[in-house]
Amino acid sequence: MTHALPLWVDALAALLIVAGSAFALIGSIGLARFGDFYKRVHGPTKAVTLGVGCVLIASMLAFSVATGRASLHELLITLFVFLTAPISAHLLVKAALKADATGRIPPSG
């Protein structure tokens, strides 16, 4: 059975969702605007991961208070996203550097 959420839970969840959405938007803009592959990997890896984490923590908070028991599904998803996003970005960059004929990191700018 669900209960009405206290005002502080609603406010904190709303703040986390807005912050998460802002981070996801900033990461998406970075993906669209940056010039080369190496710069484009950076935006989603950092900002979108933090944005997804904020939204998942807001969901965990709201469902935990609403149901009266700990909601750990979102915590596991957050842990998985925070562990896999940097590793996958690192592997993408390593593969791109290996595929580059010169083997040099491209100049920034």
PDB file of N, CA and C in Angstrom:
ATOM      1  N   MET A   1       0.844  -1.179   0.000  1.00  0.00           N
ATOM      2  CA  MET A   1       0.000   0.000   0.000  1.00  0.00           C
ATOM      3  C   MET A   1       0.892   1.246   0.000  1.00  0.00           C
ATOM      4  N   THR A   2       0.560   2.199  -0.811  1.00  0.00           N
ATOM      5  CA  THR A   2       1.352   3.425  -0.891  1.00  0.00           C
ATOM      6  C   THR A   2       0.693   4.520  -0.068  1.00  0.00           C
ATOM      7  N   HIS A   3       1.494   5.411   0.419  1.00  0.00           N
ATOM      8  CA  HIS A   3       1.038   6.533   1.224  1.00  0.00           C
ATOM      9  C   HIS A   3       1.449   7.815   0.529  1.00  0.00           C
ATOM     10  N   ALA A   4       0.783   8.906   0.913  1.00  0.00           N
ATOM     11  CA  ALA A   4       1.173  10.209   0.382  1.00  0.00           C
ATOM     12  C   ALA A   4       2.565  10.548   0.902  1.00  0.00           C
ATOM     13  N   LEU A   5       3.375  11.095   0.041  1.00  0.00           N
ATOM     14  CA  LEU A   5       4.748  11.418   0.423  1.00  0.00           C
ATOM     15  C   LEU A   5       4.790  12.717   1.209  1.00  0.00           C
ATOM     16  N   PRO A   6       5.658  12.808   2.203  1.00  0.00           N
ATOM     17  CA  PRO A   6       5.845  14.078   2.910  1.00  0.00           C
ATOM     18  C   PRO A   6       6.409  15.135   1.962  1.00  0.00           C
ATOM     19  N   LEU A   7       6.192  16.377   2.335  1.00  0.00           N
ATOM     20  CA  LEU A   7       6.626  17.484   1.480  1.00  0.00           C
ATOM     21  C   LEU A   7       8.138  17.467   1.256  1.00  0.00           C
ATOM     22  N   TRP A   8       8.923  17.132   2.278  1.00  0.00           N
ATOM     23  CA  TRP A   8      10.372  17.155   2.118  1.00  0.00           C
ATOM     24  C   TRP A   8      10.841  16.089   1.132  1.00  0.00           C
ATOM     25  N   VAL A   9      10.137  14.946   1.082  1.00  0.00           N
ATOM     26  CA  VAL A   9      10.510  13.896   0.125  1.00  0.00           C
ATOM     27  C   VAL A   9      10.162  14.342  -1.285  1.00  0.00           C
ATOM     28  N   ASP A  10       8.976  14.936  -1.446  1.00  0.00           N
ATOM     29  CA  ASP A  10       8.598  15.460  -2.767  1.00  0.00           C
ATOM     30  C   ASP A  10       9.583  16.514  -3.254  1.00  0.00           C
ATOM     31  N   ALA A  11       9.965  17.421  -2.359  1.00  0.00           N
ATOM     32  CA  ALA A  11      10.880  18.498  -2.744  1.00  0.00           C
ATOM     33  C   ALA A  11      12.263  17.952  -3.099  1.00  0.00           C
ATOM     34  N   LEU A  12      12.764  17.032  -2.286  1.00  0.00           N
ATOM     35  CA  LEU A  12      14.083  16.475  -2.560  1.00  0.00           C
ATOM     36  C   LEU A  12      14.089  15.641  -3.835  1.00  0.00           C
ATOM     37  N   ALA A  13      13.044  14.853  -4.045  1.00  0.00           N
ATOM     38  CA  ALA A  13      12.956  14.057  -5.276  1.00  0.00           C
ATOM     39  C   ALA A  13      12.843  14.963  -6.501  1.00  0.00           C
ATOM     40  N   ALA A  14      12.051  16.026  -6.389  1.00  0.00           N
ATOM     41  CA  ALA A  14      11.928  16.967  -7.506  1.00  0.00           C
ATOM     42  C   ALA A  14      13.255  17.643  -7.804  1.00  0.00           C
ATOM     43  N   LEU A  15      13.981  18.030  -6.762  1.00  0.00           N
ATOM     44  CA  LEU A  15      15.283  18.667  -6.949  1.00  0.00           C
ATOM     45  C   LEU A  15      16.267  17.711  -7.627  1.00  0.00           C
ATOM     46  N   LEU A  16      16.274  16.458  -7.190  1.00  0.00           N
ATOM     47  CA  LEU A  16      17.163  15.472  -7.806  1.00  0.00           C
ATOM     48  C   LEU A  16      16.791  15.204  -9.267  1.00  0.00           C
ATOM     49  N   ILE A  17      15.501  15.164  -9.565  1.00  0.00           N
ATOM     50  CA  ILE A  17      15.072  14.922 -10.946  1.00  0.00           C
ATOM     51  C   ILE A  17      15.442  16.098 -11.841  1.00  0.00           C
ATOM     52  N   VAL A  18      15.250  17.315 -11.349  1.00  0.00           N
ATOM     53  CA  VAL A  18      15.610  18.496 -12.144  1.00  0.00           C
ATOM     54  C   VAL A  18      17.127  18.553 -12.354  1.00  0.00           C
ATOM     55  N   ALA A  19      17.891  18.285 -11.293  1.00  0.00           N
ATOM     56  CA  ALA A  19      19.354  18.287 -11.432  1.00  0.00           C
ATOM     57  C   ALA A  19      19.809  17.190 -12.388  1.00  0.00           C
ATOM     58  N   GLY A  20      19.220  15.992 -12.267  1.00  0.00           N
ATOM     59  CA  GLY A  20      19.570  14.900 -13.165  1.00  0.00           C
ATOM     60  C   GLY A  20      19.235  15.204 -14.611  1.00  0.00           C
ATOM     61  N   SER A  21      18.086  15.831 -14.819  1.00  0.00           N
ATOM     62  CA  SER A  21      17.699  16.218 -16.181  1.00  0.00           C
ATOM     63  C   SER A  21      18.644  17.265 -16.750  1.00  0.00           C
ATOM     64  N   ALA A  22      19.068  18.207 -15.911  1.00  0.00           N
ATOM     65  CA  ALA A  22      20.007  19.239 -16.375  1.00  0.00           C
ATOM     66  C   ALA A  22      21.348  18.610 -16.764  1.00  0.00           C
ATOM     67  N   PHE A  23      21.840  17.690 -15.933  1.00  0.00           N
ATOM     68  CA  PHE A  23      23.096  17.020 -16.272  1.00  0.00           C
ATOM     69  C   PHE A  23      22.969  16.212 -17.564  1.00  0.00           C
ATOM     70  N   ALA A  24      21.863  15.513 -17.726  1.00  0.00           N
ATOM     71  CA  ALA A  24      21.661  14.730 -18.948  1.00  0.00           C
ATOM     72  C   ALA A  24      21.577  15.633 -20.174  1.00  0.00           C
ATOM     73  N   LEU A  25      20.926  16.784 -20.035  1.00  0.00           N
ATOM     74  CA  LEU A  25      20.838  17.732 -21.148  1.00  0.00           C
ATOM     75  C   LEU A  25      22.214  18.293 -21.495  1.00  0.00           C
ATOM     76  N   ILE A  26      22.983  18.645 -20.485  1.00  0.00           N
ATOM     77  CA  ILE A  26      24.329  19.180 -20.735  1.00  0.00           C
ATOM     78  C   ILE A  26      25.199  18.132 -21.423  1.00  0.00           C
ATOM     79  N   GLY A  27      25.124  16.883 -20.979  1.00  0.00           N
ATOM     80  CA  GLY A  27      25.891  15.820 -21.629  1.00  0.00           C
ATOM     81  C   GLY A  27      25.459  15.585 -23.061  1.00  0.00           C
ATOM     82  N   SER A  28      24.160  15.673 -23.312  1.00  0.00           N
ATOM     83  CA  SER A  28      23.661  15.486 -24.677  1.00  0.00           C
ATOM     84  C   SER A  28      24.081  16.629 -25.589  1.00  0.00           C
ATOM     85  N   ILE A  29      24.069  17.841 -25.071  1.00  0.00           N
ATOM     86  CA  ILE A  29      24.536  18.981 -25.862  1.00  0.00           C
ATOM     87  C   ILE A  29      26.021  18.828 -26.172  1.00  0.00           C
ATOM     88  N   GLY A  30      26.787  18.364 -25.188  1.00  0.00           N
ATOM     89  CA  GLY A  30      28.213  18.119 -25.426  1.00  0.00           C
ATOM     90  C   GLY A  30      28.437  17.076 -26.492  1.00  0.00           C
ATOM     91  N   LEU A  31      27.610  16.034 -26.491  1.00  0.00           N
ATOM     92  CA  LEU A  31      27.722  14.993 -27.513  1.00  0.00           C
ATOM     93  C   LEU A  31      27.452  15.563 -28.898  1.00  0.00           C
ATOM     94  N   ALA A  32      26.483  16.446 -29.000  1.00  0.00           N
ATOM     95  CA  ALA A  32      26.118  17.009 -30.300  1.00  0.00           C
ATOM     96  C   ALA A  32      27.092  18.082 -30.781  1.00  0.00           C
ATOM     97  N   ARG A  33      27.690  18.835 -29.865  1.00  0.00           N
ATOM     98  CA  ARG A  33      28.490  19.990 -30.269  1.00  0.00           C
ATOM     99  C   ARG A  33      29.984  19.729 -30.391  1.00  0.00           C
ATOM    100  N   PHE A  34      30.538  18.801 -29.629  1.00  0.00           N
ATOM    101  CA  PHE A  34      31.973  18.582 -29.693  1.00  0.00           C
ATOM    102  C   PHE A  34      32.366  18.045 -31.059  1.00  0.00           C
ATOM    103  N   GLY A  35      33.611  18.348 -31.445  1.00  0.00           N
ATOM    104  CA  GLY A  35      34.039  18.083 -32.802  1.00  0.00           C
ATOM    105  C   GLY A  35      34.439  16.658 -33.131  1.00  0.00           C
ATOM    106  N   ASP A  36      35.336  16.072 -32.379  1.00  0.00           N
ATOM    107  CA  ASP A  36      35.834  14.763 -32.758  1.00  0.00           C
ATOM    108  C   ASP A  36      35.359  13.688 -31.779  1.00  0.00           C
ATOM    109  N   PHE A  37      35.685  12.460 -32.095  1.00  0.00           N
ATOM    110  CA  PHE A  37      35.214  11.313 -31.315  1.00  0.00           C
ATOM    111  C   PHE A  37      35.676  11.378 -29.868  1.00  0.00           C
ATOM    112  N   TYR A  38      36.920  11.743 -29.649  1.00  0.00           N
ATOM    113  CA  TYR A  38      37.496  11.737 -28.310  1.00  0.00           C
ATOM    114  C   TYR A  38      36.807  12.745 -27.394  1.00  0.00           C
ATOM    115  N   LYS A  39      36.439  13.884 -27.941  1.00  0.00           N
ATOM    116  CA  LYS A  39      35.710  14.876 -27.155  1.00  0.00           C
ATOM    117  C   LYS A  39      34.259  14.454 -26.953  1.00  0.00           C
ATOM    118  N   ARG A  40      33.675  13.812 -27.937  1.00  0.00           N
ATOM    119  CA  ARG A  40      32.274  13.405 -27.829  1.00  0.00           C
ATOM    120  C   ARG A  40      32.060  12.301 -26.809  1.00  0.00           C
ATOM    121  N   VAL A  41      33.048  11.508 -26.535  1.00  0.00           N
ATOM    122  CA  VAL A  41      32.915  10.456 -25.531  1.00  0.00           C
ATOM    123  C   VAL A  41      32.848  11.071 -24.128  1.00  0.00           C
ATOM    124  N   HIS A  42      33.506  12.188 -23.939  1.00  0.00           N
ATOM    125  CA  HIS A  42      33.619  12.789 -22.618  1.00  0.00           C
ATOM    126  C   HIS A  42      32.276  13.262 -22.060  1.00  0.00           C
ATOM    127  N   GLY A  43      31.439  13.920 -22.876  1.00  0.00           N
ATOM    128  CA  GLY A  43      30.165  14.470 -22.401  1.00  0.00           C
ATOM    129  C   GLY A  43      29.226  13.428 -21.811  1.00  0.00           C
ATOM    130  N   PRO A  44      28.875  12.413 -22.567  1.00  0.00           N
ATOM    131  CA  PRO A  44      27.967  11.410 -22.009  1.00  0.00           C
ATOM    132  C   PRO A  44      28.565  10.618 -20.857  1.00  0.00           C
ATOM    133  N   THR A  45      29.858  10.397 -20.891  1.00  0.00           N
ATOM    134  CA  THR A  45      30.469   9.596 -19.834  1.00  0.00           C
ATOM    135  C   THR A  45      30.347  10.288 -18.486  1.00  0.00           C
ATOM    136  N   LYS A  46      30.579  11.549 -18.436  1.00  0.00           N
ATOM    137  CA  LYS A  46      30.566  12.260 -17.157  1.00  0.00           C
ATOM    138  C   LYS A  46      29.168  12.771 -16.802  1.00  0.00           C
ATOM    139  N   ALA A  47      28.620  13.639 -17.629  1.00  0.00           N
ATOM    140  CA  ALA A  47      27.398  14.345 -17.265  1.00  0.00           C
ATOM    141  C   ALA A  47      26.157  13.454 -17.286  1.00  0.00           C
ATOM    142  N   VAL A  48      26.003  12.641 -18.299  1.00  0.00           N
ATOM    143  CA  VAL A  48      24.809  11.811 -18.387  1.00  0.00           C
ATOM    144  C   VAL A  48      24.818  10.739 -17.299  1.00  0.00           C
ATOM    145  N   THR A  49      25.971  10.219 -16.960  1.00  0.00           N
ATOM    146  CA  THR A  49      26.058   9.251 -15.873  1.00  0.00           C
ATOM    147  C   THR A  49      25.613   9.877 -14.560  1.00  0.00           C
ATOM    148  N   LEU A  50      26.051  11.090 -14.289  1.00  0.00           N
ATOM    149  CA  LEU A  50      25.626  11.787 -13.077  1.00  0.00           C
ATOM    150  C   LEU A  50      24.133  12.102 -13.122  1.00  0.00           C
ATOM    151  N   GLY A  51      23.615  12.461 -14.292  1.00  0.00           N
ATOM    152  CA  GLY A  51      22.190  12.738 -14.426  1.00  0.00           C
ATOM    153  C   GLY A  51      21.337  11.513 -14.176  1.00  0.00           C
ATOM    154  N   VAL A  52      21.719  10.399 -14.725  1.00  0.00           N
ATOM    155  CA  VAL A  52      20.987   9.149 -14.499  1.00  0.00           C
ATOM    156  C   VAL A  52      21.065   8.753 -13.026  1.00  0.00           C
ATOM    157  N   GLY A  53      22.209   8.960 -12.419  1.00  0.00           N
ATOM    158  CA  GLY A  53      22.358   8.659 -11.001  1.00  0.00           C
ATOM    159  C   GLY A  53      21.425   9.490 -10.130  1.00  0.00           C
ATOM    160  N   CYS A  54      21.288  10.778 -10.439  1.00  0.00           N
ATOM    161  CA  CYS A  54      20.376  11.645  -9.678  1.00  0.00           C
ATOM    162  C   CYS A  54      18.929  11.186  -9.816  1.00  0.00           C
ATOM    163  N   VAL A  55      18.511  10.845 -11.003  1.00  0.00           N
ATOM    164  CA  VAL A  55      17.131  10.389 -11.216  1.00  0.00           C
ATOM    165  C   VAL A  55      16.886   9.066 -10.499  1.00  0.00           C
ATOM    166  N   LEU A  56      17.841   8.154 -10.544  1.00  0.00           N
ATOM    167  CA  LEU A  56      17.680   6.874  -9.860  1.00  0.00           C
ATOM    168  C   LEU A  56      17.645   7.037  -8.340  1.00  0.00           C
ATOM    169  N   ILE A  57      18.431   7.944  -7.799  1.00  0.00           N
ATOM    170  CA  ILE A  57      18.405   8.183  -6.355  1.00  0.00           C
ATOM    171  C   ILE A  57      17.079   8.818  -5.949  1.00  0.00           C
ATOM    172  N   ALA A  58      16.543   9.714  -6.787  1.00  0.00           N
ATOM    173  CA  ALA A  58      15.225  10.286  -6.501  1.00  0.00           C
ATOM    174  C   ALA A  58      14.150   9.209  -6.499  1.00  0.00           C
ATOM    175  N   SER A  59      14.224   8.301  -7.438  1.00  0.00           N
ATOM    176  CA  SER A  59      13.263   7.198  -7.493  1.00  0.00           C
ATOM    177  C   SER A  59      13.399   6.301  -6.276  1.00  0.00           C
ATOM    178  N   MET A  60      14.619   6.002  -5.887  1.00  0.00           N
ATOM    179  CA  MET A  60      14.853   5.160  -4.721  1.00  0.00           C
ATOM    180  C   MET A  60      14.288   5.816  -3.466  1.00  0.00           C
ATOM    181  N   LEU A  61      14.506   7.109  -3.307  1.00  0.00           N
ATOM    182  CA  LEU A  61      13.999   7.830  -2.144  1.00  0.00           C
ATOM    183  C   LEU A  61      12.476   7.829  -2.111  1.00  0.00           C
ATOM    184  N   ALA A  62      11.857   8.156  -3.223  1.00  0.00           N
ATOM    185  CA  ALA A  62      10.400   8.249  -3.261  1.00  0.00           C
ATOM    186  C   ALA A  62       9.738   6.889  -3.021  1.00  0.00           C
ATOM    187  N   PHE A  63      10.220   5.851  -3.661  1.00  0.00           N
ATOM    188  CA  PHE A  63       9.609   4.537  -3.487  1.00  0.00           C
ATOM    189  C   PHE A  63       9.889   3.943  -2.109  1.00  0.00           C
ATOM    190  N   SER A  64      11.042   4.241  -1.539  1.00  0.00           N
ATOM    191  CA  SER A  64      11.342   3.749  -0.196  1.00  0.00           C
ATOM    192  C   SER A  64      10.407   4.374   0.838  1.00  0.00           C
ATOM    193  N   VAL A  65      10.182   5.669   0.727  1.00  0.00           N
ATOM    194  CA  VAL A  65       9.293   6.339   1.676  1.00  0.00           C
ATOM    195  C   VAL A  65       7.841   5.948   1.417  1.00  0.00           C
ATOM    196  N   ALA A  66       7.452   5.814   0.151  1.00  0.00           N
ATOM    197  CA  ALA A  66       6.060   5.494  -0.179  1.00  0.00           C
ATOM    198  C   ALA A  66       5.661   4.092   0.270  1.00  0.00           C
ATOM    199  N   THR A  67       6.550   3.137   0.116  1.00  0.00           N
ATOM    200  CA  THR A  67       6.199   1.763   0.470  1.00  0.00           C
ATOM    201  C   THR A  67       6.569   1.401   1.903  1.00  0.00           C
ATOM    202  N   GLY A  68       7.414   2.191   2.537  1.00  0.00           N
ATOM    203  CA  GLY A  68       7.808   1.919   3.902  1.00  0.00           C
ATOM    204  C   GLY A  68       8.915   0.888   4.031  1.00  0.00           C
ATOM    205  N   ARG A  69       9.506   0.488   2.925  1.00  0.00           N
ATOM    206  CA  ARG A  69      10.632  -0.455   2.966  1.00  0.00           C
ATOM    207  C   ARG A  69      11.677  -0.007   1.952  1.00  0.00           C
ATOM    208  N   ALA A  70      12.880  -0.448   2.168  1.00  0.00           N
ATOM    209  CA  ALA A  70      13.991  -0.004   1.320  1.00  0.00           C
ATOM    210  C   ALA A  70      13.816  -0.513  -0.112  1.00  0.00           C
ATOM    211  N   SER A  71      14.013   0.383  -1.051  1.00  0.00           N
ATOM    212  CA  SER A  71      13.954   0.036  -2.466  1.00  0.00           C
ATOM    213  C   SER A  71      15.383  -0.027  -2.990  1.00  0.00           C
ATOM    214  N   LEU A  72      15.901  -1.233  -3.115  1.00  0.00           N
ATOM    215  CA  LEU A  72      17.311  -1.400  -3.463  1.00  0.00           C
ATOM    216  C   LEU A  72      17.545  -1.643  -4.950  1.00  0.00           C
ATOM    217  N   HIS A  73      16.486  -1.821  -5.731  1.00  0.00           N
ATOM    218  CA  HIS A  73      16.668  -2.045  -7.167  1.00  0.00           C
ATOM    219  C   HIS A  73      17.387  -0.864  -7.812  1.00  0.00           C
ATOM    220  N   GLU A  74      16.957   0.348  -7.472  1.00  0.00           N
ATOM    221  CA  GLU A  74      17.574   1.535  -8.059  1.00  0.00           C
ATOM    222  C   GLU A  74      19.030   1.690  -7.621  1.00  0.00           C
ATOM    223  N   LEU A  75      19.331   1.283  -6.393  1.00  0.00           N
ATOM    224  CA  LEU A  75      20.707   1.355  -5.921  1.00  0.00           C
ATOM    225  C   LEU A  75      21.610   0.426  -6.730  1.00  0.00           C
ATOM    226  N   LEU A  76      21.128  -0.754  -7.034  1.00  0.00           N
ATOM    227  CA  LEU A  76      21.902  -1.686  -7.849  1.00  0.00           C
ATOM    228  C   LEU A  76      22.081  -1.162  -9.274  1.00  0.00           C
ATOM    229  N   ILE A  77      21.036  -0.558  -9.837  1.00  0.00           N
ATOM    230  CA  ILE A  77      21.142   0.016 -11.185  1.00  0.00           C
ATOM    231  C   ILE A  77      22.153   1.166 -11.186  1.00  0.00           C
ATOM    232  N   THR A  78      22.087   2.032 -10.156  1.00  0.00           N
ATOM    233  CA  THR A  78      23.029   3.145 -10.057  1.00  0.00           C
ATOM    234  C   THR A  78      24.465   2.643  -9.960  1.00  0.00           C
ATOM    235  N   LEU A  79      24.688   1.645  -9.138  1.00  0.00           N
ATOM    236  CA  LEU A  79      26.023   1.065  -9.004  1.00  0.00           C
ATOM    237  C   LEU A  79      26.502   0.493 -10.334  1.00  0.00           C
ATOM    238  N   PHE A  80      25.628  -0.206 -11.041  1.00  0.00           N
ATOM    239  CA  PHE A  80      25.991  -0.777 -12.334  1.00  0.00           C
ATOM    240  C   PHE A  80      26.343   0.313 -13.344  1.00  0.00           C
ATOM    241  N   VAL A  81      25.536   1.379 -13.404  1.00  0.00           N
ATOM    242  CA  VAL A  81      25.800   2.471 -14.352  1.00  0.00           C
ATOM    243  C   VAL A  81      27.112   3.173 -14.004  1.00  0.00           C
ATOM    244  N   PHE A  82      27.333   3.441 -12.718  1.00  0.00           N
ATOM    245  CA  PHE A  82      28.554   4.139 -12.319  1.00  0.00           C
ATOM    246  C   PHE A  82      29.806   3.304 -12.547  1.00  0.00           C
ATOM    247  N   LEU A  83      29.683   1.994 -12.539  1.00  0.00           N
ATOM    248  CA  LEU A  83      30.846   1.136 -12.802  1.00  0.00           C
ATOM    249  C   LEU A  83      31.079   0.910 -14.291  1.00  0.00           C
ATOM    250  N   THR A  84      30.024   0.766 -15.062  1.00  0.00           N
ATOM    251  CA  THR A  84      30.197   0.401 -16.467  1.00  0.00           C
ATOM    252  C   THR A  84      30.425   1.576 -17.405  1.00  0.00           C
ATOM    253  N   ALA A  85      29.866   2.748 -17.131  1.00  0.00           N
ATOM    254  CA  ALA A  85      30.010   3.880 -18.056  1.00  0.00           C
ATOM    255  C   ALA A  85      31.465   4.321 -18.220  1.00  0.00           C
ATOM    256  N   PRO A  86      32.224   4.536 -17.163  1.00  0.00           N
ATOM    257  CA  PRO A  86      33.626   4.935 -17.376  1.00  0.00           C
ATOM    258  C   PRO A  86      34.471   3.844 -18.025  1.00  0.00           C
ATOM    259  N   ILE A  87      34.193   2.605 -17.684  1.00  0.00           N
ATOM    260  CA  ILE A  87      34.964   1.499 -18.259  1.00  0.00           C
ATOM    261  C   ILE A  87      34.686   1.381 -19.756  1.00  0.00           C
ATOM    262  N   SER A  88      33.419   1.480 -20.138  1.00  0.00           N
ATOM    263  CA  SER A  88      33.091   1.376 -21.566  1.00  0.00           C
ATOM    264  C   SER A  88      33.660   2.556 -22.349  1.00  0.00           C
ATOM    265  N   ALA A  89      33.638   3.756 -21.773  1.00  0.00           N
ATOM    266  CA  ALA A  89      34.232   4.911 -22.460  1.00  0.00           C
ATOM    267  C   ALA A  89      35.743   4.734 -22.617  1.00  0.00           C
ATOM    268  N   HIS A  90      36.383   4.223 -21.593  1.00  0.00           N
ATOM    269  CA  HIS A  90      37.832   3.970 -21.664  1.00  0.00           C
ATOM    270  C   HIS A  90      38.145   2.958 -22.761  1.00  0.00           C
ATOM    271  N   LEU A  91      37.355   1.896 -22.835  1.00  0.00           N
ATOM    272  CA  LEU A  91      37.600   0.885 -23.867  1.00  0.00           C
ATOM    273  C   LEU A  91      37.326   1.421 -25.271  1.00  0.00           C
ATOM    274  N   LEU A  92      36.318   2.273 -25.420  1.00  0.00           N
ATOM    275  CA  LEU A  92      36.051   2.893 -26.725  1.00  0.00           C
ATOM    276  C   LEU A  92      37.230   3.759 -27.174  1.00  0.00           C
ATOM    277  N   VAL A  93      37.764   4.551 -26.259  1.00  0.00           N
ATOM    278  CA  VAL A  93      38.893   5.414 -26.607  1.00  0.00           C
ATOM    279  C   VAL A  93      40.137   4.574 -26.929  1.00  0.00           C
ATOM    280  N   LYS A  94      40.372   3.527 -26.144  1.00  0.00           N
ATOM    281  CA  LYS A  94      41.516   2.656 -26.436  1.00  0.00           C
ATOM    282  C   LYS A  94      41.375   2.003 -27.811  1.00  0.00           C
ATOM    283  N   ALA A  95      40.170   1.566 -28.159  1.00  0.00           N
ATOM    284  CA  ALA A  95      39.949   0.958 -29.476  1.00  0.00           C
ATOM    285  C   ALA A  95      40.138   1.987 -30.586  1.00  0.00           C
ATOM    286  N   ALA A  96      39.686   3.215 -30.362  1.00  0.00           N
ATOM    287  CA  ALA A  96      39.861   4.255 -31.382  1.00  0.00           C
ATOM    288  C   ALA A  96      41.337   4.600 -31.562  1.00  0.00           C
ATOM    289  N   LEU A  97      42.089   4.645 -30.470  1.00  0.00           N
ATOM    290  CA  LEU A  97      43.516   4.925 -30.591  1.00  0.00           C
ATOM    291  C   LEU A  97      44.246   3.795 -31.306  1.00  0.00           C
ATOM    292  N   LYS A  98      43.816   2.568 -31.054  1.00  0.00           N
ATOM    293  CA  LYS A  98      44.446   1.434 -31.720  1.00  0.00           C
ATOM    294  C   LYS A  98      44.118   1.418 -33.214  1.00  0.00           C
ATOM    295  N   ALA A  99      42.910   1.839 -33.571  1.00  0.00           N
ATOM    296  CA  ALA A  99      42.498   1.852 -34.979  1.00  0.00           C
ATOM    297  C   ALA A  99      43.133   3.006 -35.752  1.00  0.00           C
ATOM    298  N   ASP A 100      43.597   4.037 -35.042  1.00  0.00           N
ATOM    299  CA  ASP A 100      44.232   5.176 -35.693  1.00  0.00           C
ATOM    300  C   ASP A 100      45.569   4.733 -36.280  1.00  0.00           C
ATOM    301  N   ALA A 101      45.809   5.075 -37.532  1.00  0.00           N
ATOM    302  CA  ALA A 101      47.023   4.636 -38.227  1.00  0.00           C
ATOM    303  C   ALA A 101      48.288   5.239 -37.617  1.00  0.00           C
ATOM    304  N   THR A 102      48.195   6.464 -37.121  1.00  0.00           N
ATOM    305  CA  THR A 102      49.384   7.128 -36.587  1.00  0.00           C
ATOM    306  C   THR A 102      49.673   6.708 -35.159  1.00  0.00           C
ATOM    307  N   GLY A 103      48.625   6.303 -34.417  1.00  0.00           N
ATOM    308  CA  GLY A 103      48.818   5.932 -33.031  1.00  0.00           C
ATOM    309  C   GLY A 103      49.003   7.100 -32.095  1.00  0.00           C
ATOM    310  N   ARG A 104      48.749   8.310 -32.598  1.00  0.00           N
ATOM    311  CA  ARG A 104      48.913   9.508 -31.776  1.00  0.00           C
ATOM    312  C   ARG A 104      47.542  10.006 -31.326  1.00  0.00           C
ATOM    313  N   ILE A 105      47.512  10.621 -30.169  1.00  0.00           N
ATOM    314  CA  ILE A 105      46.285  11.264 -29.702  1.00  0.00           C
ATOM    315  C   ILE A 105      46.114  12.519 -30.529  1.00  0.00           C
ATOM    316  N   PRO A 106      44.920  12.779 -31.065  1.00  0.00           N
ATOM    317  CA  PRO A 106      44.720  13.967 -31.885  1.00  0.00           C
ATOM    318  C   PRO A 106      44.856  15.234 -31.047  1.00  0.00           C
ATOM    319  N   PRO A 107      45.274  16.342 -31.663  1.00  0.00           N
ATOM    320  CA  PRO A 107      45.438  17.581 -30.908  1.00  0.00           C
ATOM    321  C   PRO A 107      44.069  18.087 -30.428  1.00  0.00           C
ATOM    322  N   SER A 108      44.054  18.673 -29.252  1.00  0.00           N
ATOM    323  CA  SER A 108      42.790  19.237 -28.751  1.00  0.00           C
ATOM    324  C   SER A 108      42.669  20.658 -29.259  1.00  0.00           C
ATOM    325  N   GLY A 109      41.426  21.011 -29.579  1.00  0.00           N
ATOM    326  CA  GLY A 109      41.214  22.385 -30.007  1.00  0.00           C
ATOM    327  C   GLY A 109      40.565  22.544 -31.312  1.00  0.00           C
TER     328      GLY A 109
END
